[in-house]
Amino acid sequence: MDITLIVNGLDLSSKLSTYSVTEEVTYRKVITTLDDVEHPYPGATRTTITFSLLPMTDEESAELYGALSALMFDATYTNQYKNVDETKRVRLMTNLESAFALKSVDGKRRYKGGEIQLRRL
């Protein structure tokens, strides 16, 4: 895949298993014309990045947990709608504790799979 994903300075591009970018459109108001037809007036769009990763080593998993634990950070990602790489401020939408398991023997967190979701601010 020719996709860029850098989360809080951590390059995850080569570790991606799945990746998608969606655009959420909010509508400011709905205009009703004289013929009684409603026309929504689009407002801002908000990007959501959803990804999952290939199996990781303990060190990679700990590094990813540290990068995501800030909850709000900069991310550079490939926006497939615009066909460009963008750097935007995002926040973590996924429950971080459910995406990582705690192994009680050494106290390290390990990525247990599943999707991680980021939303642009």
N, C-alpha and C. Protein backbone atom coordinates (compact mmCIF):
# COMPACT_ATOMS: atom_id res chain seq x y z
N MET A 1 0.84 -1.18 0.00
CA MET A 1 0.00 0.00 0.00
C MET A 1 0.88 1.24 0.00
N ASP A 2 0.48 2.22 -0.74
CA ASP A 2 1.19 3.49 -0.77
C ASP A 2 0.42 4.49 0.07
N ILE A 3 0.44 4.27 1.38
CA ILE A 3 -0.33 5.09 2.33
C ILE A 3 0.61 5.58 3.41
N THR A 4 0.41 6.83 3.81
CA THR A 4 1.20 7.42 4.89
C THR A 4 0.33 7.54 6.13
N LEU A 5 0.83 7.07 7.25
CA LEU A 5 0.18 7.27 8.53
C LEU A 5 1.26 7.45 9.60
N ILE A 6 1.38 8.68 10.07
CA ILE A 6 2.33 9.01 11.12
C ILE A 6 1.53 9.60 12.27
N VAL A 7 1.53 8.92 13.40
CA VAL A 7 0.74 9.30 14.56
C VAL A 7 1.66 9.78 15.66
N ASN A 8 1.56 11.06 16.00
CA ASN A 8 2.36 11.64 17.08
C ASN A 8 3.85 11.35 16.90
N GLY A 9 4.32 11.45 15.65
CA GLY A 9 5.73 11.22 15.35
C GLY A 9 6.11 9.77 15.11
N LEU A 10 5.18 8.84 15.27
CA LEU A 10 5.44 7.41 15.10
C LEU A 10 4.92 6.97 13.73
N ASP A 11 5.81 6.51 12.85
CA ASP A 11 5.44 6.10 11.50
C ASP A 11 4.85 4.68 11.53
N LEU A 12 3.57 4.58 11.18
CA LEU A 12 2.87 3.29 11.17
C LEU A 12 2.58 2.79 9.76
N SER A 13 3.09 3.46 8.75
CA SER A 13 2.75 3.16 7.36
C SER A 13 3.05 1.72 6.97
N SER A 14 4.17 1.19 7.39
CA SER A 14 4.55 -0.17 6.99
C SER A 14 3.87 -1.24 7.84
N LYS A 15 3.18 -0.85 8.91
CA LYS A 15 2.56 -1.82 9.82
C LYS A 15 1.05 -1.91 9.66
N LEU A 16 0.50 -1.21 8.66
CA LEU A 16 -0.96 -1.17 8.49
C LEU A 16 -1.51 -2.47 7.95
N SER A 17 -2.58 -2.92 8.57
CA SER A 17 -3.32 -4.08 8.09
C SER A 17 -4.54 -3.60 7.31
N THR A 18 -5.32 -2.68 7.90
CA THR A 18 -6.45 -2.04 7.22
C THR A 18 -6.35 -0.55 7.43
N TYR A 19 -6.95 0.21 6.50
CA TYR A 19 -6.86 1.67 6.56
C TYR A 19 -8.02 2.26 5.79
N SER A 20 -8.70 3.22 6.39
CA SER A 20 -9.74 3.93 5.66
C SER A 20 -9.88 5.34 6.21
N VAL A 21 -10.26 6.25 5.33
CA VAL A 21 -10.52 7.63 5.69
C VAL A 21 -11.94 7.94 5.24
N THR A 22 -12.73 8.48 6.16
CA THR A 22 -14.09 8.89 5.81
C THR A 22 -14.26 10.36 6.13
N GLU A 23 -15.13 11.00 5.40
CA GLU A 23 -15.44 12.41 5.60
C GLU A 23 -16.87 12.53 6.11
N GLU A 24 -17.03 13.13 7.26
CA GLU A 24 -18.36 13.36 7.84
C GLU A 24 -18.75 14.80 7.53
N VAL A 25 -19.91 14.96 6.91
CA VAL A 25 -20.38 16.30 6.55
C VAL A 25 -21.46 16.72 7.53
N THR A 26 -21.31 17.91 8.09
CA THR A 26 -22.35 18.48 8.94
C THR A 26 -23.10 19.53 8.14
N TYR A 27 -24.39 19.62 8.37
CA TYR A 27 -25.22 20.57 7.65
C TYR A 27 -25.64 21.68 8.59
N ARG A 28 -25.36 22.92 8.20
CA ARG A 28 -25.64 24.06 9.06
C ARG A 28 -27.14 24.33 9.14
N LYS A 29 -27.79 24.27 8.00
CA LYS A 29 -29.23 24.53 8.00
C LYS A 29 -29.84 23.91 6.76
N VAL A 30 -31.15 23.80 6.79
CA VAL A 30 -31.90 23.27 5.66
C VAL A 30 -32.78 24.41 5.13
N ILE A 31 -32.64 24.68 3.85
CA ILE A 31 -33.43 25.73 3.22
C ILE A 31 -34.62 25.09 2.50
N THR A 32 -35.81 25.58 2.77
CA THR A 32 -37.01 25.09 2.10
C THR A 32 -37.44 26.12 1.06
N THR A 33 -37.50 25.68 -0.19
CA THR A 33 -37.89 26.58 -1.27
C THR A 33 -39.40 26.68 -1.36
N LEU A 34 -39.88 27.58 -2.22
CA LEU A 34 -41.32 27.80 -2.36
C LEU A 34 -42.07 26.56 -2.84
N ASP A 35 -41.41 25.66 -3.53
CA ASP A 35 -42.08 24.42 -3.97
C ASP A 35 -42.03 23.34 -2.90
N ASP A 36 -41.70 23.72 -1.67
CA ASP A 36 -41.69 22.84 -0.50
C ASP A 36 -40.64 21.72 -0.57
N VAL A 37 -39.54 22.01 -1.24
CA VAL A 37 -38.44 21.05 -1.34
C VAL A 37 -37.33 21.53 -0.40
N GLU A 38 -36.80 20.60 0.41
CA GLU A 38 -35.74 20.94 1.34
C GLU A 38 -34.37 20.77 0.68
N HIS A 39 -33.50 21.75 0.89
CA HIS A 39 -32.15 21.72 0.36
C HIS A 39 -31.17 21.93 1.51
N PRO A 40 -30.46 20.87 1.90
CA PRO A 40 -29.50 21.04 3.00
C PRO A 40 -28.31 21.86 2.55
N TYR A 41 -27.88 22.76 3.42
CA TYR A 41 -26.73 23.62 3.16
C TYR A 41 -25.54 23.02 3.90
N PRO A 42 -24.56 22.46 3.14
CA PRO A 42 -23.45 21.78 3.81
C PRO A 42 -22.53 22.74 4.55
N GLY A 43 -22.03 22.26 5.66
CA GLY A 43 -21.08 23.03 6.46
C GLY A 43 -19.72 22.39 6.38
N ALA A 44 -19.09 22.26 7.50
CA ALA A 44 -17.73 21.73 7.57
C ALA A 44 -17.72 20.22 7.44
N THR A 45 -16.59 19.70 7.00
CA THR A 45 -16.39 18.25 6.97
C THR A 45 -15.38 17.89 8.05
N ARG A 46 -15.54 16.71 8.59
CA ARG A 46 -14.62 16.22 9.61
C ARG A 46 -14.12 14.85 9.17
N THR A 47 -12.82 14.68 9.20
CA THR A 47 -12.18 13.45 8.76
C THR A 47 -12.08 12.45 9.90
N THR A 48 -12.38 11.19 9.60
CA THR A 48 -12.18 10.10 10.55
C THR A 48 -11.24 9.08 9.91
N ILE A 49 -10.19 8.72 10.63
CA ILE A 49 -9.20 7.75 10.17
C ILE A 49 -9.39 6.48 10.97
N THR A 50 -9.60 5.37 10.29
CA THR A 50 -9.77 4.09 10.96
C THR A 50 -8.69 3.15 10.43
N PHE A 51 -7.98 2.50 11.34
CA PHE A 51 -6.91 1.59 10.90
C PHE A 51 -6.74 0.47 11.90
N SER A 52 -6.15 -0.61 11.42
CA SER A 52 -5.70 -1.70 12.29
C SER A 52 -4.29 -2.06 11.84
N LEU A 53 -3.58 -2.73 12.70
CA LEU A 53 -2.16 -2.98 12.47
C LEU A 53 -1.84 -4.46 12.44
N LEU A 54 -0.76 -4.79 11.80
CA LEU A 54 -0.25 -6.15 11.78
C LEU A 54 0.29 -6.48 13.18
N PRO A 55 0.51 -7.76 13.48
CA PRO A 55 1.08 -8.11 14.79
C PRO A 55 2.38 -7.34 15.05
N MET A 56 2.54 -6.93 16.30
CA MET A 56 3.66 -6.08 16.67
C MET A 56 4.51 -6.74 17.76
N THR A 57 5.77 -6.33 17.83
CA THR A 57 6.63 -6.78 18.92
C THR A 57 6.24 -6.02 20.19
N ASP A 58 6.76 -6.46 21.32
CA ASP A 58 6.47 -5.80 22.58
C ASP A 58 6.95 -4.35 22.59
N GLU A 59 8.11 -4.10 22.00
CA GLU A 59 8.66 -2.75 21.96
C GLU A 59 7.80 -1.83 21.08
N GLU A 60 7.40 -2.34 19.91
CA GLU A 60 6.55 -1.55 19.01
C GLU A 60 5.20 -1.25 19.65
N SER A 61 4.65 -2.22 20.33
CA SER A 61 3.37 -2.04 20.99
C SER A 61 3.45 -1.00 22.10
N ALA A 62 4.52 -1.05 22.89
CA ALA A 62 4.70 -0.07 23.96
C ALA A 62 4.89 1.33 23.39
N GLU A 63 5.61 1.42 22.28
CA GLU A 63 5.83 2.71 21.63
C GLU A 63 4.51 3.27 21.08
N LEU A 64 3.68 2.42 20.49
CA LEU A 64 2.38 2.85 19.98
C LEU A 64 1.46 3.29 21.10
N TYR A 65 1.44 2.55 22.19
CA TYR A 65 0.61 2.92 23.34
C TYR A 65 1.03 4.30 23.87
N GLY A 66 2.32 4.53 23.94
CA GLY A 66 2.81 5.83 24.39
C GLY A 66 2.42 6.96 23.45
N ALA A 67 2.46 6.70 22.15
CA ALA A 67 2.09 7.72 21.17
C ALA A 67 0.60 8.04 21.22
N LEU A 68 -0.22 7.03 21.44
CA LEU A 68 -1.68 7.23 21.45
C LEU A 68 -2.20 7.72 22.80
N SER A 69 -1.43 7.59 23.85
CA SER A 69 -1.93 7.94 25.17
C SER A 69 -2.09 9.45 25.38
N ALA A 70 -1.54 10.25 24.46
CA ALA A 70 -1.71 11.71 24.57
C ALA A 70 -3.15 12.13 24.31
N LEU A 71 -3.93 11.29 23.66
CA LEU A 71 -5.34 11.49 23.33
C LEU A 71 -5.58 12.56 22.27
N MET A 72 -4.78 13.63 22.21
CA MET A 72 -4.85 14.61 21.12
C MET A 72 -3.43 14.87 20.64
N PHE A 73 -3.22 14.79 19.33
CA PHE A 73 -1.88 14.92 18.78
C PHE A 73 -1.97 15.19 17.28
N ASP A 74 -0.83 15.44 16.66
CA ASP A 74 -0.77 15.64 15.22
C ASP A 74 -0.64 14.30 14.51
N ALA A 75 -1.31 14.18 13.37
CA ALA A 75 -1.22 12.96 12.56
C ALA A 75 -1.04 13.37 11.10
N THR A 76 -0.16 12.68 10.42
CA THR A 76 0.01 12.85 8.98
C THR A 76 -0.56 11.60 8.34
N TYR A 77 -1.51 11.79 7.44
CA TYR A 77 -2.22 10.65 6.85
C TYR A 77 -2.52 10.92 5.39
N THR A 78 -2.72 9.86 4.63
CA THR A 78 -3.11 9.98 3.23
C THR A 78 -4.61 10.12 3.17
N ASN A 79 -5.08 11.25 2.64
CA ASN A 79 -6.50 11.48 2.45
C ASN A 79 -6.84 11.02 1.04
N GLN A 80 -7.54 9.91 0.95
CA GLN A 80 -7.84 9.31 -0.35
C GLN A 80 -8.88 10.11 -1.13
N TYR A 81 -9.63 10.96 -0.45
CA TYR A 81 -10.60 11.80 -1.16
C TYR A 81 -9.90 12.90 -1.94
N LYS A 82 -8.85 13.47 -1.36
CA LYS A 82 -8.12 14.56 -1.99
C LYS A 82 -6.84 14.10 -2.68
N ASN A 83 -6.45 12.85 -2.46
CA ASN A 83 -5.25 12.25 -3.03
C ASN A 83 -3.98 13.01 -2.63
N VAL A 84 -3.93 13.42 -1.35
CA VAL A 84 -2.76 14.13 -0.81
C VAL A 84 -2.51 13.64 0.62
N ASP A 85 -1.31 13.91 1.11
CA ASP A 85 -1.00 13.67 2.52
C ASP A 85 -1.30 14.94 3.30
N GLU A 86 -2.02 14.81 4.40
CA GLU A 86 -2.39 15.95 5.24
C GLU A 86 -1.83 15.76 6.64
N THR A 87 -1.49 16.86 7.28
CA THR A 87 -1.10 16.84 8.69
C THR A 87 -2.11 17.67 9.45
N LYS A 88 -2.85 17.02 10.33
CA LYS A 88 -3.91 17.68 11.09
C LYS A 88 -3.86 17.25 12.54
N ARG A 89 -4.46 18.04 13.39
CA ARG A 89 -4.61 17.71 14.82
C ARG A 89 -5.79 16.75 14.93
N VAL A 90 -5.59 15.64 15.59
CA VAL A 90 -6.63 14.62 15.74
C VAL A 90 -6.78 14.25 17.21
N ARG A 91 -7.87 13.56 17.50
CA ARG A 91 -8.05 13.01 18.84
C ARG A 91 -8.39 11.54 18.72
N LEU A 92 -8.07 10.81 19.72
CA LEU A 92 -8.31 9.37 19.76
C LEU A 92 -9.78 9.12 20.07
N MET A 93 -10.44 8.31 19.24
CA MET A 93 -11.85 7.98 19.45
C MET A 93 -12.03 6.59 20.05
N THR A 94 -11.04 5.74 19.92
CA THR A 94 -11.10 4.37 20.41
C THR A 94 -10.73 4.32 21.88
N ASN A 95 -11.38 3.43 22.62
CA ASN A 95 -11.00 3.21 24.01
C ASN A 95 -9.63 2.55 24.01
N LEU A 96 -8.65 3.28 24.46
CA LEU A 96 -7.27 2.82 24.42
C LEU A 96 -7.06 1.56 25.25
N GLU A 97 -7.75 1.47 26.36
CA GLU A 97 -7.58 0.30 27.24
C GLU A 97 -8.13 -0.98 26.60
N SER A 98 -9.15 -0.86 25.75
CA SER A 98 -9.70 -2.06 25.11
C SER A 98 -8.86 -2.49 23.91
N ALA A 99 -8.09 -1.58 23.32
CA ALA A 99 -7.24 -1.92 22.18
C ALA A 99 -5.92 -2.54 22.62
N PHE A 100 -5.55 -2.33 23.88
CA PHE A 100 -4.30 -2.86 24.40
C PHE A 100 -4.58 -3.71 25.63
N ALA A 101 -3.93 -4.85 25.70
CA ALA A 101 -4.09 -5.73 26.85
C ALA A 101 -2.91 -5.52 27.79
N LEU A 102 -3.16 -5.66 29.07
CA LEU A 102 -2.10 -5.54 30.07
C LEU A 102 -1.66 -6.93 30.47
N LYS A 103 -0.38 -7.20 30.28
CA LYS A 103 0.17 -8.48 30.71
C LYS A 103 0.76 -8.27 32.09
N SER A 104 0.22 -8.94 33.07
CA SER A 104 0.54 -8.64 34.46
C SER A 104 1.96 -9.04 34.89
N VAL A 105 2.62 -9.91 34.16
CA VAL A 105 3.94 -10.37 34.57
C VAL A 105 4.96 -9.23 34.52
N ASP A 106 4.98 -8.48 33.43
CA ASP A 106 5.97 -7.41 33.31
C ASP A 106 5.34 -6.02 33.27
N GLY A 107 4.02 -5.93 33.24
CA GLY A 107 3.34 -4.64 33.27
C GLY A 107 3.30 -3.90 31.95
N LYS A 108 3.79 -4.51 30.87
CA LYS A 108 3.77 -3.84 29.57
C LYS A 108 2.42 -4.01 28.88
N ARG A 109 2.07 -3.02 28.09
CA ARG A 109 0.83 -3.09 27.31
C ARG A 109 1.14 -3.66 25.94
N ARG A 110 0.23 -4.47 25.44
CA ARG A 110 0.41 -5.10 24.14
C ARG A 110 -0.83 -4.87 23.28
N TYR A 111 -0.60 -4.53 22.01
CA TYR A 111 -1.69 -4.32 21.06
C TYR A 111 -2.34 -5.67 20.79
N LYS A 112 -3.64 -5.75 21.03
CA LYS A 112 -4.31 -7.04 20.84
C LYS A 112 -5.12 -7.10 19.56
N GLY A 113 -4.97 -6.14 18.70
CA GLY A 113 -5.67 -6.15 17.42
C GLY A 113 -6.92 -5.28 17.49
N GLY A 114 -7.61 -5.22 16.39
CA GLY A 114 -8.81 -4.41 16.32
C GLY A 114 -8.53 -3.04 15.73
N GLU A 115 -9.61 -2.31 15.50
CA GLU A 115 -9.48 -1.02 14.83
C GLU A 115 -9.23 0.11 15.82
N ILE A 116 -8.44 1.05 15.40
CA ILE A 116 -8.18 2.27 16.15
C ILE A 116 -8.72 3.41 15.31
N GLN A 117 -9.44 4.31 15.94
CA GLN A 117 -10.09 5.40 15.21
C GLN A 117 -9.63 6.75 15.71
N LEU A 118 -9.28 7.63 14.77
CA LEU A 118 -8.87 8.99 15.06
C LEU A 118 -9.81 9.95 14.35
N ARG A 119 -10.15 11.05 14.98
CA ARG A 119 -11.03 12.05 14.36
C ARG A 119 -10.36 13.41 14.38
N ARG A 120 -10.43 14.08 13.25
CA ARG A 120 -9.82 15.40 13.14
C ARG A 120 -10.58 16.40 13.99
N LEU A 121 -9.85 17.31 14.64
CA LEU A 121 -10.47 18.34 15.46
C LEU A 121 -11.01 19.46 14.61
